[in-house]
Amino acid sequence: MNKIKIDIVSDLVCPWCYIGQKRLNDALAQSDYEAEISWKPFQLHPELEKEGMEKNAFLFKKFGQQGANLFDQIKTVADSESLAMNPEKITNIPNTVNVHRLMWLAKKQGKDLKLAISLFEAYFVEGKDFSEPKTLVKIGEACGLIKSEIKSFLASDEARDEVLAEEKMYREAGIQAVPTFIINDKYMIQGAQTPAVFLDAFKQLGLENKEGQFQCTGDEC
């Protein structure tokens, strides 16, 4: 089986990132590629305070009246992908610096992929509040991290600068939306594209692209 490297620039409370990783996995299952996946930090709402903001108030502030139905519209897409999503259980839109810091800690132990999936499910299926450190501790522990280490890590500022610096690097590289998938450090797909788009990209891996990226045309770009 051929191996490829895929960096996923994402925020773990981004519904399109949740859908996009499912579509990527579906494409990989249909291909002859095995992917080494690395999750990269990006904050959709870096302006939020540490405690986050009540969901409905946030959606109204950011999107106006249209915000009320935003999650319901996205749930329709998730349902079409047989992907569980319970937006009615989500009560808080969090600042995700600590979420990305926890991912940094898990990556050091080779457990970031498992943690990413668990975080997606905890937020979009169970409606867990990521502004609560105890919530992140419980999720991290379930993924094999040591409870006492998670608690002391989150109580500190360790890796905060590293996470913010990496996010800044991607923003300065021109990434303004997530998910963004970077294949073999060379080709880029933006948005929660369909498995067909990923499969087409995999077929082109051996070809040179003069722009250095795949241009996507989907509605989610």
Protein backbone atom coordinates (compact mmCIF):
# COMPACT_ATOMS: atom_id res chain seq x y z
CA MET A 1 0.00 0.00 0.00
CA ASN A 2 1.32 3.45 -0.95
CA LYS A 3 1.95 5.92 1.83
CA ILE A 4 1.09 9.61 1.84
CA LYS A 5 1.41 12.39 4.39
CA ILE A 6 -1.64 14.54 5.12
CA ASP A 7 -1.61 17.57 7.41
CA ILE A 8 -5.09 18.66 8.47
CA VAL A 9 -5.30 22.30 9.51
CA SER A 10 -8.44 22.39 11.60
CA ASP A 11 -10.34 23.50 14.65
CA LEU A 12 -11.91 20.71 16.67
CA VAL A 13 -15.17 22.66 17.08
CA CYS A 14 -15.51 23.31 13.36
CA PRO A 15 -18.45 21.31 11.96
CA TRP A 16 -16.98 21.28 8.45
CA CYS A 17 -13.73 19.87 9.89
CA TYR A 18 -15.79 17.09 11.49
CA ILE A 19 -17.48 16.36 8.17
CA GLY A 20 -14.27 16.80 6.18
CA GLN A 21 -12.30 14.21 8.15
CA LYS A 22 -15.13 11.72 7.59
CA ARG A 23 -15.03 12.34 3.85
CA LEU A 24 -11.25 12.02 3.80
CA ASN A 25 -11.45 8.70 5.63
CA ASP A 26 -14.09 7.48 3.18
CA ALA A 27 -11.78 8.39 0.28
CA LEU A 28 -8.79 6.66 1.87
CA ALA A 29 -10.89 3.52 2.35
CA GLN A 30 -11.54 3.49 -1.40
CA SER A 31 -7.91 4.10 -2.36
CA ASP A 32 -4.66 2.18 -2.23
CA TYR A 33 -3.08 4.82 0.00
CA GLU A 34 -2.25 4.69 3.68
CA ALA A 35 -2.08 8.14 5.23
CA GLU A 36 0.14 9.50 7.96
CA ILE A 37 -2.15 12.17 9.36
CA SER A 38 -0.98 15.12 11.41
CA TRP A 39 -3.41 17.62 12.95
CA LYS A 40 -2.46 21.31 12.83
CA PRO A 41 -3.97 24.09 14.96
CA PHE A 42 -6.32 26.80 13.75
CA GLN A 43 -8.76 28.84 15.81
CA LEU A 44 -12.05 29.82 14.23
CA HIS A 45 -12.86 32.17 17.10
CA PRO A 46 -9.61 33.37 18.71
CA GLU A 47 -11.40 36.49 19.94
CA LEU A 48 -13.47 34.53 22.44
CA GLU A 49 -12.67 34.70 26.13
CA LYS A 50 -11.43 31.63 27.97
CA GLU A 51 -14.94 30.69 29.09
CA GLY A 52 -16.30 30.88 25.54
CA MET A 53 -19.79 32.18 24.72
CA GLU A 54 -23.31 30.79 24.88
CA LYS A 55 -24.07 29.17 21.53
CA ASN A 56 -27.24 31.00 20.49
CA ALA A 57 -25.88 34.39 21.56
CA PHE A 58 -22.68 33.72 19.61
CA LEU A 59 -24.50 32.63 16.45
CA PHE A 60 -26.76 35.68 16.54
CA LYS A 61 -23.83 38.04 17.11
CA LYS A 62 -21.81 36.54 14.26
CA PHE A 63 -24.50 35.65 11.71
CA GLY A 64 -27.64 37.55 12.73
CA GLN A 65 -31.02 35.89 12.26
CA GLN A 66 -29.49 33.33 9.88
CA GLY A 67 -27.40 31.96 12.74
CA ALA A 68 -30.43 30.33 14.34
CA ASN A 69 -30.62 27.67 11.64
CA LEU A 70 -26.94 27.32 10.88
CA PHE A 71 -26.31 24.12 12.82
CA ASP A 72 -29.53 22.56 11.56
CA GLN A 73 -28.38 23.10 7.99
CA ILE A 74 -25.02 21.53 8.71
CA LYS A 75 -26.69 18.61 10.48
CA THR A 76 -28.54 17.84 7.25
CA VAL A 77 -25.17 17.43 5.53
CA ALA A 78 -23.85 15.31 8.41
CA ASP A 79 -26.93 13.08 8.22
CA SER A 80 -26.28 12.51 4.52
CA GLU A 81 -22.81 11.28 5.47
CA SER A 82 -24.20 8.98 8.20
CA LEU A 83 -22.26 11.11 10.65
CA ALA A 84 -23.80 11.63 14.10
CA MET A 85 -24.41 15.25 15.06
CA ASN A 86 -26.62 16.63 17.84
CA PRO A 87 -26.36 20.42 17.64
CA GLU A 88 -29.15 20.86 20.17
CA LYS A 89 -26.79 19.49 22.83
CA ILE A 90 -24.14 22.13 22.14
CA THR A 91 -24.52 25.02 24.56
CA ASN A 92 -21.14 26.76 24.39
CA ILE A 93 -18.81 27.98 21.64
CA PRO A 94 -15.37 27.76 23.28
CA ASN A 95 -12.02 29.37 22.85
CA THR A 96 -9.96 26.39 21.63
CA VAL A 97 -6.40 27.23 22.67
CA ASN A 98 -6.50 24.56 25.39
CA VAL A 99 -8.02 22.06 22.95
CA HIS A 100 -5.08 22.55 20.60
CA ARG A 101 -2.64 22.40 23.50
CA LEU A 102 -4.12 19.04 24.51
CA MET A 103 -3.69 17.86 20.92
CA TRP A 104 -0.04 18.97 21.13
CA LEU A 105 0.42 16.87 24.27
CA ALA A 106 -1.28 13.85 22.70
CA LYS A 107 0.83 14.11 19.56
CA LYS A 108 3.99 13.73 21.64
CA GLN A 109 2.64 10.33 22.69
CA GLY A 110 1.28 9.31 19.28
CA LYS A 111 -2.33 9.62 20.42
CA ASP A 112 -3.44 12.73 18.58
CA LEU A 113 -5.48 10.93 15.92
CA LYS A 114 -7.52 9.09 18.54
CA LEU A 115 -7.92 12.29 20.54
CA ALA A 116 -9.07 14.30 17.50
CA ILE A 117 -11.87 11.82 16.76
CA SER A 118 -12.84 11.73 20.43
CA LEU A 119 -12.97 15.52 20.63
CA PHE A 120 -15.14 15.74 17.52
CA GLU A 121 -17.57 13.19 18.95
CA ALA A 122 -17.56 14.78 22.42
CA TYR A 123 -18.47 18.17 20.99
CA PHE A 124 -20.79 17.40 18.09
CA VAL A 125 -22.49 14.27 19.44
CA GLU A 126 -22.45 14.78 23.21
CA GLY A 127 -22.32 18.57 23.39
CA LYS A 128 -19.42 18.68 25.85
CA ASP A 129 -18.19 22.10 26.96
CA PHE A 130 -14.50 22.45 26.08
CA SER A 131 -14.14 25.60 28.17
CA GLU A 132 -14.21 23.30 31.21
CA PRO A 133 -10.72 21.85 31.90
CA LYS A 134 -12.26 18.81 33.61
CA THR A 135 -13.99 17.95 30.33
CA LEU A 136 -10.70 17.96 28.43
CA VAL A 137 -9.03 15.97 31.20
CA LYS A 138 -11.69 13.26 30.98
CA ILE A 139 -11.49 13.03 27.18
CA GLY A 140 -7.71 12.95 27.23
CA GLU A 141 -7.64 10.27 29.90
CA ALA A 142 -10.04 8.12 27.84
CA CYS A 143 -7.55 8.36 24.97
CA GLY A 144 -4.70 7.01 27.09
CA LEU A 145 -3.14 10.15 28.51
CA ILE A 146 -2.33 10.29 32.22
CA LYS A 147 -4.92 12.25 34.19
CA SER A 148 -2.47 13.98 36.54
CA GLU A 149 -0.25 15.02 33.63
CA ILE A 150 -3.19 16.48 31.72
CA LYS A 151 -4.36 18.47 34.74
CA SER A 152 -0.96 19.97 35.44
CA PHE A 153 -0.36 20.62 31.74
CA LEU A 154 -3.64 22.47 31.25
CA ALA A 155 -3.09 24.46 34.44
CA SER A 156 0.19 25.73 33.02
CA ASP A 157 1.01 27.73 29.89
CA GLU A 158 3.12 24.96 28.39
CA ALA A 159 2.91 24.71 24.59
CA ARG A 160 0.69 27.79 24.33
CA ASP A 161 3.35 29.75 22.47
CA GLU A 162 4.09 26.78 20.22
CA VAL A 163 0.43 26.32 19.29
CA LEU A 164 -0.10 30.02 18.58
CA ALA A 165 3.11 30.24 16.56
CA GLU A 166 2.11 27.28 14.41
CA GLU A 167 -1.34 28.74 13.82
CA LYS A 168 0.25 32.07 12.86
CA MET A 169 2.47 30.28 10.37
CA TYR A 170 -0.53 28.79 8.58
CA ARG A 171 -2.39 32.10 8.55
CA GLU A 172 0.65 33.85 7.10
CA ALA A 173 0.84 31.11 4.47
CA GLY A 174 -2.59 32.17 3.31
CA ILE A 175 -4.89 29.73 5.08
CA GLN A 176 -7.99 31.59 6.21
CA ALA A 177 -10.52 28.77 6.48
CA VAL A 178 -10.66 25.21 7.68
CA PRO A 179 -10.49 22.38 7.08
CA THR A 180 -7.42 22.62 4.88
CA PHE A 181 -5.72 19.40 3.82
CA ILE A 182 -2.05 19.55 2.81
CA ILE A 183 -0.89 16.43 0.98
CA ASN A 184 2.81 15.49 0.92
CA ASP A 185 3.75 19.07 1.93
CA LYS A 186 2.84 20.18 -1.58
CA TYR A 187 -0.80 19.92 -2.62
CA MET A 188 -3.63 21.68 -0.82
CA ILE A 189 -7.36 21.00 -0.70
CA GLN A 190 -9.58 23.47 1.13
CA GLY A 191 -13.02 22.76 2.48
CA ALA A 192 -14.98 19.63 3.41
CA GLN A 193 -14.71 18.24 -0.10
CA THR A 194 -16.39 15.04 -1.26
CA PRO A 195 -14.48 11.73 -1.33
CA ALA A 196 -14.37 12.07 -5.13
CA VAL A 197 -12.27 15.25 -4.83
CA PHE A 198 -9.79 13.50 -2.55
CA LEU A 199 -9.66 10.45 -4.82
CA ASP A 200 -8.92 12.68 -7.79
CA ALA A 201 -6.14 14.32 -5.79
CA PHE A 202 -4.65 10.94 -4.90
CA LYS A 203 -4.56 10.01 -8.59
CA GLN A 204 -2.58 13.14 -9.33
CA LEU A 205 0.04 12.62 -6.66
CA GLY A 206 2.64 11.58 -9.19
CA LEU A 207 1.98 14.58 -11.41
CA GLU A 208 3.40 18.07 -11.13
CA ASN A 209 0.95 20.90 -10.60
CA LYS A 210 2.34 24.26 -11.58
CA GLU A 211 0.34 26.08 -8.90
CA GLY A 212 1.52 23.61 -6.27
CA GLN A 213 -2.01 22.95 -5.06
CA PHE A 214 -5.32 21.46 -6.06
CA GLN A 215 -7.99 24.05 -6.65
CA CYS A 216 -11.32 23.06 -5.12
CA THR A 217 -14.68 24.12 -6.46
CA GLY A 218 -17.10 22.82 -3.81
CA ASP A 219 -19.61 24.93 -1.94
CA GLU A 220 -17.72 24.47 1.34
CA CYS A 221 -14.48 26.10 0.10
